[in-house]
Protein backbone atom coordinates (compact mmCIF):
# COMPACT_ATOMS: atom_id res chain seq x y z
CA MET A 1 -7.66 -10.78 -22.91
CA ASN A 2 -5.96 -8.97 -25.96
CA THR A 3 -2.93 -7.48 -24.54
CA SER A 4 -3.59 -4.38 -26.57
CA LYS A 5 -7.25 -3.85 -26.04
CA GLN A 6 -8.44 -1.01 -23.91
CA VAL A 7 -9.99 -2.04 -20.53
CA LYS A 8 -13.52 -0.52 -20.03
CA VAL A 9 -13.43 0.66 -16.41
CA GLY A 10 -15.73 2.35 -14.01
CA VAL A 11 -15.17 3.89 -10.60
CA ILE A 12 -17.43 3.31 -7.67
CA GLY A 13 -16.95 6.03 -4.94
CA VAL A 14 -15.67 9.35 -5.91
CA GLY A 15 -14.76 10.84 -2.63
CA HIS A 16 -11.34 12.42 -1.67
CA LEU A 17 -9.40 9.61 -3.16
CA GLY A 18 -11.97 8.33 -5.64
CA GLN A 19 -11.87 11.58 -7.69
CA HIS A 20 -8.16 10.88 -8.44
CA HIS A 21 -8.87 7.50 -9.75
CA VAL A 22 -11.42 9.05 -12.12
CA LYS A 23 -8.78 11.74 -13.26
CA HIS A 24 -6.15 9.00 -14.10
CA PHE A 25 -8.50 6.58 -15.74
CA ALA A 26 -9.75 9.28 -17.98
CA SER A 27 -6.21 9.72 -19.41
CA LEU A 28 -4.58 6.35 -19.14
CA PRO A 29 -3.69 4.97 -22.61
CA GLY A 30 -4.88 1.31 -21.69
CA ALA A 31 -8.12 2.42 -20.04
CA ASP A 32 -11.54 3.40 -21.36
CA LEU A 33 -13.27 5.22 -18.59
CA GLN A 34 -17.04 4.37 -18.85
CA GLY A 35 -18.46 6.23 -15.93
CA ILE A 36 -18.78 6.50 -12.20
CA TYR A 37 -21.25 5.69 -9.38
CA ASP A 38 -21.62 7.32 -6.00
CA LEU A 39 -24.41 7.74 -3.49
CA ASP A 40 -23.70 11.42 -3.31
CA THR A 41 -25.22 12.33 -6.53
CA THR A 42 -24.49 16.02 -6.62
CA ARG A 43 -20.66 15.53 -6.20
CA ALA A 44 -20.73 12.53 -8.58
CA ASN A 45 -22.26 14.61 -11.33
CA LYS A 46 -19.69 17.38 -10.77
CA ILE A 47 -16.75 14.81 -10.91
CA ALA A 48 -18.32 13.37 -13.95
CA LYS A 49 -18.61 16.61 -15.85
CA GLN A 50 -15.17 17.67 -14.67
CA HIS A 51 -13.53 14.54 -16.40
CA LYS A 52 -15.97 14.26 -19.29
CA THR A 53 -17.48 10.86 -18.31
CA LYS A 54 -21.01 9.70 -17.16
CA PHE A 55 -22.57 9.51 -13.85
CA PHE A 56 -24.76 6.45 -13.36
CA ASN A 57 -27.84 6.41 -10.98
CA ASN A 58 -27.89 2.56 -11.08
CA VAL A 59 -24.75 0.57 -10.39
CA ASN A 60 -25.94 -2.27 -12.64
CA ASP A 61 -26.03 -0.05 -15.57
CA LEU A 62 -22.30 0.85 -14.94
CA LEU A 63 -21.29 -2.80 -14.45
CA SER A 64 -23.11 -3.89 -17.65
CA ILE A 65 -20.65 -1.90 -19.77
CA CYS A 66 -17.31 -2.44 -17.91
CA ASP A 67 -14.65 -4.92 -17.70
CA ALA A 68 -13.17 -3.74 -14.39
CA ILE A 69 -14.37 -1.61 -11.36
CA SER A 70 -12.20 0.52 -9.09
CA ILE A 71 -13.64 0.50 -5.59
CA VAL A 72 -13.05 3.51 -3.60
CA THR A 73 -15.85 3.26 -0.94
CA PRO A 74 -15.46 3.33 2.84
CA THR A 75 -13.80 0.22 4.09
CA THR A 76 -16.98 -1.18 5.69
CA GLN A 77 -18.39 -1.43 2.14
CA HIS A 78 -15.39 -2.92 0.35
CA ALA A 79 -16.39 -6.56 0.78
CA GLU A 80 -20.00 -6.04 -0.23
CA VAL A 81 -19.26 -3.94 -3.23
CA ALA A 82 -16.27 -6.11 -4.54
CA GLU A 83 -18.32 -9.43 -4.20
CA TYR A 84 -21.14 -7.81 -6.16
CA CYS A 85 -18.60 -6.80 -8.98
CA ILE A 86 -16.68 -10.16 -8.92
CA LYS A 87 -20.03 -12.13 -9.27
CA HIS A 88 -20.73 -10.01 -12.30
CA GLY A 89 -17.38 -10.98 -13.74
CA LYS A 90 -15.60 -7.63 -13.25
CA HIS A 91 -11.91 -7.34 -12.40
CA VAL A 92 -11.51 -5.29 -9.14
CA PHE A 93 -9.14 -2.73 -7.72
CA ILE A 94 -9.91 -2.13 -4.06
CA GLU A 95 -8.43 0.57 -2.04
CA LYS A 96 -6.71 -0.48 1.12
CA PRO A 97 -7.52 -2.32 3.30
CA ILE A 98 -8.90 -5.18 0.98
CA ALA A 99 -11.87 -5.62 3.49
CA LYS A 100 -12.93 -5.06 7.14
CA THR A 101 -12.09 -8.72 8.21
CA VAL A 102 -9.85 -11.45 7.17
CA ALA A 103 -12.97 -13.63 6.62
CA GLU A 104 -14.35 -11.20 4.01
CA ALA A 105 -10.94 -11.07 2.34
CA ASP A 106 -10.76 -14.85 2.12
CA HIS A 107 -14.15 -14.88 0.57
CA LEU A 108 -13.34 -12.37 -2.02
CA LEU A 109 -10.13 -14.36 -2.90
CA SER A 110 -12.08 -17.53 -3.28
CA LEU A 111 -14.57 -15.84 -5.59
CA THR A 112 -11.82 -14.31 -7.75
CA LYS A 113 -10.22 -17.88 -8.23
CA LYS A 114 -13.62 -19.30 -9.24
CA ASN A 115 -14.24 -16.45 -11.73
CA GLY A 116 -10.71 -15.84 -13.05
CA ILE A 117 -10.71 -12.31 -11.84
CA VAL A 118 -7.79 -9.98 -11.29
CA ILE A 119 -7.92 -8.36 -7.83
CA GLN A 120 -5.59 -5.66 -6.86
CA VAL A 121 -5.28 -3.84 -3.51
CA GLY A 122 -4.46 -0.02 -3.21
CA HIS A 123 -1.39 -0.13 -0.92
CA ILE A 124 0.08 2.75 -2.61
CA GLU A 125 3.25 3.17 -0.33
CA ARG A 126 4.63 0.02 -2.05
CA LEU A 127 4.98 2.39 -5.11
CA ASN A 128 6.59 5.29 -3.19
CA PRO A 129 9.50 6.50 -5.23
CA ALA A 130 11.79 6.49 -2.16
CA LEU A 131 11.05 2.74 -1.72
CA LEU A 132 11.39 2.00 -5.45
CA ALA A 133 14.91 3.58 -5.35
CA LEU A 134 16.15 0.47 -3.54
CA LYS A 135 15.17 -1.84 -6.37
CA ASP A 136 18.80 -2.62 -7.33
CA PHE A 137 19.95 -3.50 -3.79
CA GLU A 138 19.85 -6.99 -2.24
CA LEU A 139 17.60 -6.32 0.82
CA ARG A 140 17.51 -8.81 3.68
CA PRO A 141 16.58 -6.66 6.76
CA LYS A 142 17.12 -7.93 10.29
CA PHE A 143 15.76 -5.12 12.09
CA ILE A 144 13.10 -2.52 10.89
CA GLU A 145 11.96 0.58 12.60
CA VAL A 146 8.98 2.55 11.18
CA GLN A 147 7.24 5.72 12.14
CA ARG A 148 3.99 7.08 10.50
CA LEU A 149 2.57 10.07 12.40
CA ALA A 150 -0.12 12.46 11.26
CA PRO A 151 -1.94 15.39 12.64
CA TYR A 152 -5.55 14.67 13.73
CA THR A 153 -8.22 15.05 10.92
CA VAL A 154 -11.79 13.72 10.97
CA ARG A 155 -11.26 11.82 7.61
CA GLY A 156 -10.39 8.16 8.14
CA THR A 157 -11.28 8.07 11.76
CA GLU A 158 -14.04 5.53 11.07
CA VAL A 159 -11.38 2.87 11.24
CA PRO A 160 -8.51 2.40 13.92
CA VAL A 161 -5.14 3.91 13.27
CA VAL A 162 -3.77 0.30 12.75
CA LEU A 163 -6.07 -0.10 9.65
CA ASP A 164 -5.76 3.40 8.49
CA LEU A 165 -2.07 4.21 8.76
CA MET A 166 -0.02 1.27 10.17
CA ILE A 167 -1.33 -1.20 7.51
CA HIS A 168 0.67 0.70 4.86
CA ASP A 169 4.06 -0.10 6.71
CA ILE A 170 2.67 -3.63 7.43
CA ASP A 171 2.41 -4.33 3.75
CA ILE A 172 5.81 -2.91 3.09
CA ILE A 173 7.47 -4.89 5.73
CA LEU A 174 5.83 -8.21 4.76
CA SER A 175 7.03 -7.60 1.19
CA LEU A 176 10.73 -6.85 2.48
CA VAL A 177 10.95 -9.69 4.93
CA ASN A 178 9.16 -12.39 2.97
CA SER A 179 8.98 -14.77 6.01
CA PRO A 180 5.96 -16.06 8.07
CA VAL A 181 5.09 -14.00 11.18
CA LYS A 182 6.23 -15.85 14.45
CA ASN A 183 4.69 -13.59 17.09
CA ILE A 184 3.36 -10.12 17.66
CA ARG A 185 3.34 -7.64 20.67
CA ALA A 186 1.21 -4.59 20.55
CA SER A 187 -0.16 -1.64 22.63
CA GLY A 188 -2.19 1.50 21.86
CA VAL A 189 -4.45 4.14 23.29
CA SER A 190 -7.55 6.06 22.35
CA ILE A 191 -7.32 9.82 22.54
CA MET A 192 -9.70 11.74 20.23
CA THR A 193 -12.04 8.92 19.04
CA ASN A 194 -13.58 5.83 20.29
CA SER A 195 -11.02 3.83 18.27
CA VAL A 196 -7.43 3.35 18.71
CA ASP A 197 -5.62 6.57 17.79
CA ILE A 198 -1.83 5.62 18.71
CA ALA A 199 -0.42 2.18 18.30
CA ASN A 200 2.73 0.44 18.57
CA ALA A 201 3.63 -3.10 17.38
CA ARG A 202 6.72 -5.37 17.46
CA ILE A 203 6.57 -8.16 14.90
CA ARG A 204 9.09 -11.12 15.06
CA PHE A 205 9.37 -13.18 11.88
CA GLU A 206 10.27 -16.92 11.60
CA ASN A 207 13.52 -15.86 10.01
CA GLY A 208 14.47 -13.90 13.04
CA THR A 209 13.68 -10.43 11.54
CA VAL A 210 12.12 -7.97 14.03
CA ALA A 211 10.10 -4.90 12.93
CA ASN A 212 8.99 -2.14 15.24
CA LEU A 213 6.03 -0.04 14.07
CA THR A 214 4.59 3.22 15.41
CA SER A 215 1.55 4.93 14.01
CA SER A 216 -0.29 7.92 15.40
CA ARG A 217 -3.00 10.28 14.14
CA ILE A 218 -2.39 12.72 17.01
CA ALA A 219 0.85 14.28 16.06
CA GLN A 220 1.95 17.95 15.41
CA ILE A 221 3.59 17.27 11.94
CA LYS A 222 3.54 14.34 9.39
CA VAL A 223 6.25 11.85 9.69
CA ARG A 224 6.71 8.85 7.42
CA LYS A 225 10.12 7.14 7.99
CA LEU A 226 11.42 3.81 7.73
CA LYS A 227 14.95 2.57 8.77
CA PHE A 228 16.44 -0.89 8.62
CA PHE A 229 19.57 -2.80 9.34
CA GLN A 230 20.96 -5.86 7.65
CA ARG A 231 24.43 -7.42 7.47
CA ASP A 232 26.73 -4.79 6.14
CA MET A 233 24.17 -2.31 5.34
CA TYR A 234 21.83 0.39 7.09
CA VAL A 235 19.03 2.09 5.15
CA THR A 236 16.96 5.15 5.82
CA ILE A 237 13.86 6.27 3.93
CA ASP A 238 11.89 9.44 4.30
CA PHE A 239 8.61 8.75 2.33
CA LEU A 240 7.55 12.42 2.61
CA LEU A 241 10.91 14.00 1.46
CA GLY A 242 11.43 11.31 -1.14
CA LEU A 243 14.83 10.66 0.38
CA THR A 244 16.67 7.42 0.45
CA GLU A 245 20.09 7.02 2.06
CA VAL A 246 22.29 3.79 2.22
CA TYR A 247 25.39 3.04 4.32
CA ARG A 248 27.34 -0.03 3.23
CA ALA A 249 30.40 -1.82 4.84
CA ILE A 250 32.59 -2.81 1.95
CA ASP A 251 36.16 -4.11 1.52
CA SER A 252 38.50 -1.19 0.90
CA ASP A 253 39.75 -2.51 -2.33
CA THR A 254 36.25 -2.70 -3.82
CA LYS A 255 35.72 -0.30 -6.64
CA VAL A 256 32.98 2.29 -5.97
CA SER A 257 31.77 5.42 -7.91
CA ASN A 258 29.85 8.40 -6.91
CA THR A 259 29.97 7.79 -3.31
CA LEU A 260 31.52 9.17 -0.16
CA VAL A 261 33.87 6.56 1.48
CA THR A 262 35.20 6.66 5.12
CA ALA A 263 38.97 6.02 5.73
CA PRO A 264 39.62 2.13 5.81
CA LEU A 265 38.95 0.46 9.19
CA ASP A 266 40.51 -2.66 10.39
CA ASN A 267 38.02 -5.42 11.22
CA ASN A 268 39.39 -8.87 12.10
CA GLY A 269 42.23 -8.49 9.70
CA ARG A 270 40.00 -7.11 6.90
CA HIS A 271 40.39 -3.50 5.68
CA ARG A 272 36.85 -1.99 5.42
CA SER A 273 35.20 1.22 4.54
CA ILE A 274 31.72 2.61 4.99
CA VAL A 275 30.21 3.93 1.81
CA TYR A 276 27.41 6.35 1.79
CA GLU A 277 24.90 6.16 -1.30
CA LYS A 278 22.11 8.30 -2.16
CA PRO A 279 20.22 6.41 -4.88
CA PRO A 280 18.24 8.56 -7.17
CA VAL A 281 14.60 8.82 -6.40
CA LYS A 282 12.59 9.28 -9.50
CA LYS A 283 9.46 11.53 -9.39
CA ILE A 284 6.55 9.51 -10.29
CA ASP A 285 2.81 9.55 -9.62
CA ALA A 286 2.38 6.60 -7.41
CA LEU A 287 -1.60 6.32 -7.90
CA ARG A 288 -1.21 6.66 -11.78
CA LEU A 289 1.46 3.82 -11.78
CA GLU A 290 -0.62 1.73 -9.57
CA LEU A 291 -3.69 2.00 -11.76
CA THR A 292 -1.51 1.44 -14.88
CA ASN A 293 -0.44 -1.73 -13.29
CA PHE A 294 -3.99 -2.86 -12.72
CA ILE A 295 -4.93 -2.22 -16.43
CA GLU A 296 -1.74 -4.03 -17.59
CA SER A 297 -2.59 -6.96 -15.31
CA ILE A 298 -6.03 -7.23 -16.88
CA GLN A 299 -4.43 -7.07 -20.29
CA GLY A 300 -2.10 -10.03 -19.29
CA ASN A 301 1.11 -7.60 -19.66
CA ALA A 302 1.95 -7.56 -15.95
CA LYS A 303 1.03 -8.93 -12.48
CA PRO A 304 -0.52 -6.84 -9.58
CA ILE A 305 2.13 -5.22 -7.64
CA VAL A 306 -0.14 -5.79 -4.64
CA ASP A 307 -2.47 -8.80 -5.37
CA GLY A 308 -5.26 -9.93 -3.20
CA GLU A 309 -3.19 -12.34 -1.29
CA ALA A 310 -0.80 -9.57 -0.27
CA GLY A 311 -3.67 -7.48 0.81
CA ARG A 312 -5.21 -10.16 2.72
CA ASP A 313 -1.93 -10.89 4.45
CA ALA A 314 -1.49 -7.37 5.60
CA LEU A 315 -5.05 -7.17 6.73
CA GLU A 316 -4.55 -10.34 8.90
CA VAL A 317 -1.45 -8.93 10.63
CA ALA A 318 -3.22 -5.49 11.15
CA THR A 319 -6.30 -7.10 12.61
CA ASN A 320 -4.22 -9.31 15.02
CA ILE A 321 -2.46 -6.10 16.19
CA GLN A 322 -5.74 -4.26 16.65
CA LYS A 323 -7.29 -7.20 18.54
CA MET A 324 -4.27 -7.42 20.89
CA ILE A 325 -4.38 -3.69 21.54
CA ILE A 326 -8.11 -3.78 22.29
CA GLU A 327 -7.70 -6.74 24.67
CA ASP A 328 -4.93 -4.90 26.49
CA ILE A 329 -6.99 -1.71 26.91
CA HIS A 330 -9.94 -3.66 28.23
């Protein structure tokens, strides 16, 4: 595709999150928003008027004038809607998770390869500013601890907490570790729904890294924290506060700037210090950046930050965790 040509895009599903897709596509320089489709015609008409775009009663009419579609439907509909769009030659952005099952995800990936389609998955936490602040550090975590807790709300409870909340952290961890999963241990409980509401998983990777994840939608306050250790470095991230802190052990004669340093410590004949750093966290709109990346990927100017393969891999780990918890409960 012409690298400067605007991408004609449509949005299917304009609920809580979908309305924000519409808002951004209406103003992104590389995007030409053609319209929206949703089964809730009253809401869709309201969103369309609000962002000066068109509501389509027939999804085929929308597809006929688009190059790409953003799919923001319930998870159970992701695979069906995405397959229909891909078979019509449309690039697709799918909100996480990519599909309900790994088999569905594999089928979508096969279709995209056959049709030369860009597929991107909305794992938005990969673009959290607090995580992006670490881009200049060499990251090789050996142990990772993650907590993602939220007060109970009805929205999102149609899927287990593993696929609703924990999958965010699974995707982040897979991108940080970059090693095959060796084994998984998991447990969980149902409290408010017929699904799993609290889950814990311990993932061991082939390279020896261990990750411990806890997710809950039965909490008093929101908590989204990630900590990890690696040789000579300890990192803490608070995704909600947008705070990233790095503690590094360095030789005392190493030149550093804008950091707080402890007194030198003797370690096997080496004089070392612990350096505290607070890398700057730039305020960005993660969804806008994500959708910009989608448009630029279609234009050939970038690659999807979370492509279909990454979305599929996160789903596979999540479904394995969910399956293990269900087997343990029963």
